[in-house]
Amino acid sequence: NRTLVANQRLYVLENADGLPIVYCTPQPHVDLEPYVGHHVDLSGPAYYQGTLRANYMSVLRVVPLD
C-alpha cells in the first residue's frame, strides 16, 4: 500500500493479515515500487513518527523473500 506524504511516496509494510507493521520511504537509489505486493525484508533506521502515529523507516535496503 502507498500514498504521498510531503511530496514523497510513503509505503506501508504489512503483515500476513494486512495490518501495518511500518510506514516507509525509500532513500535515493532504492526503488520500492517493483516490490509492491511481494514479500520483502527491509532495513534502515526506524523510529516512531508522531505525525503518522506509527513506526517509520527510511529504507536503505530491500531484499525480496519470494
Protein backbone atom coordinates (compact mmCIF):
# COMPACT_ATOMS: atom_id res chain seq x y z
CA ASN A 1 0.00 0.00 0.00
CA ARG A 2 1.30 3.50 -0.74
CA THR A 3 0.33 7.17 -0.57
CA LEU A 4 2.04 10.55 -0.87
CA VAL A 5 3.32 12.47 2.16
CA ALA A 6 5.29 15.71 1.89
CA ASN A 7 5.88 15.14 -1.85
CA GLN A 8 7.42 11.74 -1.17
CA ARG A 9 5.75 8.38 -1.74
CA LEU A 10 5.00 6.62 1.55
CA TYR A 11 4.79 2.83 1.54
CA VAL A 12 3.29 0.54 4.16
CA LEU A 13 4.85 -2.79 5.08
CA GLU A 14 2.01 -5.09 6.14
CA ASN A 15 1.95 -8.40 7.98
CA ALA A 16 0.25 -11.53 6.63
CA ASP A 17 -3.12 -10.29 7.95
CA GLY A 18 -2.80 -6.99 6.09
CA LEU A 19 -2.09 -4.95 9.23
CA PRO A 20 0.56 -2.23 9.02
CA ILE A 21 3.96 -3.01 10.55
CA VAL A 22 5.88 0.10 9.49
CA TYR A 23 5.46 3.03 7.14
CA CYS A 24 8.49 3.70 4.99
CA THR A 25 10.05 5.81 2.28
CA PRO A 26 12.99 4.77 0.11
CA GLN A 27 16.31 6.57 0.25
CA PRO A 28 17.98 7.69 -3.00
CA HIS A 29 18.90 4.76 -5.27
CA VAL A 30 16.34 2.49 -3.54
CA ASP A 31 13.22 1.67 -5.57
CA LEU A 32 10.40 0.01 -3.64
CA GLU A 33 7.87 0.10 -6.48
CA PRO A 34 8.89 -3.27 -8.04
CA TYR A 35 8.30 -4.94 -4.66
CA VAL A 36 4.75 -3.74 -4.05
CA GLY A 37 2.62 -6.80 -3.37
CA HIS A 38 5.63 -9.04 -2.69
CA HIS A 39 7.21 -10.40 0.49
CA VAL A 40 10.30 -8.36 1.36
CA ASP A 41 12.80 -7.71 4.12
CA LEU A 42 13.53 -4.01 4.64
CA SER A 43 16.43 -2.46 6.52
CA GLY A 44 17.25 1.08 7.55
CA PRO A 45 16.83 3.42 10.51
CA ALA A 46 13.40 3.25 12.11
CA TYR A 47 11.64 5.28 14.78
CA TYR A 48 8.19 6.25 15.99
CA GLN A 49 6.87 9.10 13.83
CA GLY A 50 4.34 11.17 15.77
CA THR A 51 2.59 12.79 12.80
CA LEU A 52 1.92 9.32 11.34
CA ARG A 53 1.16 7.89 14.80
CA ALA A 54 3.12 4.84 13.69
CA ASN A 55 6.60 3.43 13.22
CA TYR A 56 8.51 4.84 10.25
CA MET A 57 11.57 3.51 8.38
CA SER A 58 13.89 5.21 5.95
CA VAL A 59 14.68 2.23 3.69
CA LEU A 60 18.32 1.73 2.74
CA ARG A 61 17.99 -1.86 1.52
CA VAL A 62 15.24 -4.15 0.27
CA VAL A 63 15.59 -7.92 -0.16
CA PRO A 64 12.86 -9.95 -1.87
CA LEU A 65 11.72 -13.01 0.08
CA ASP A 66 9.63 -14.73 -2.60
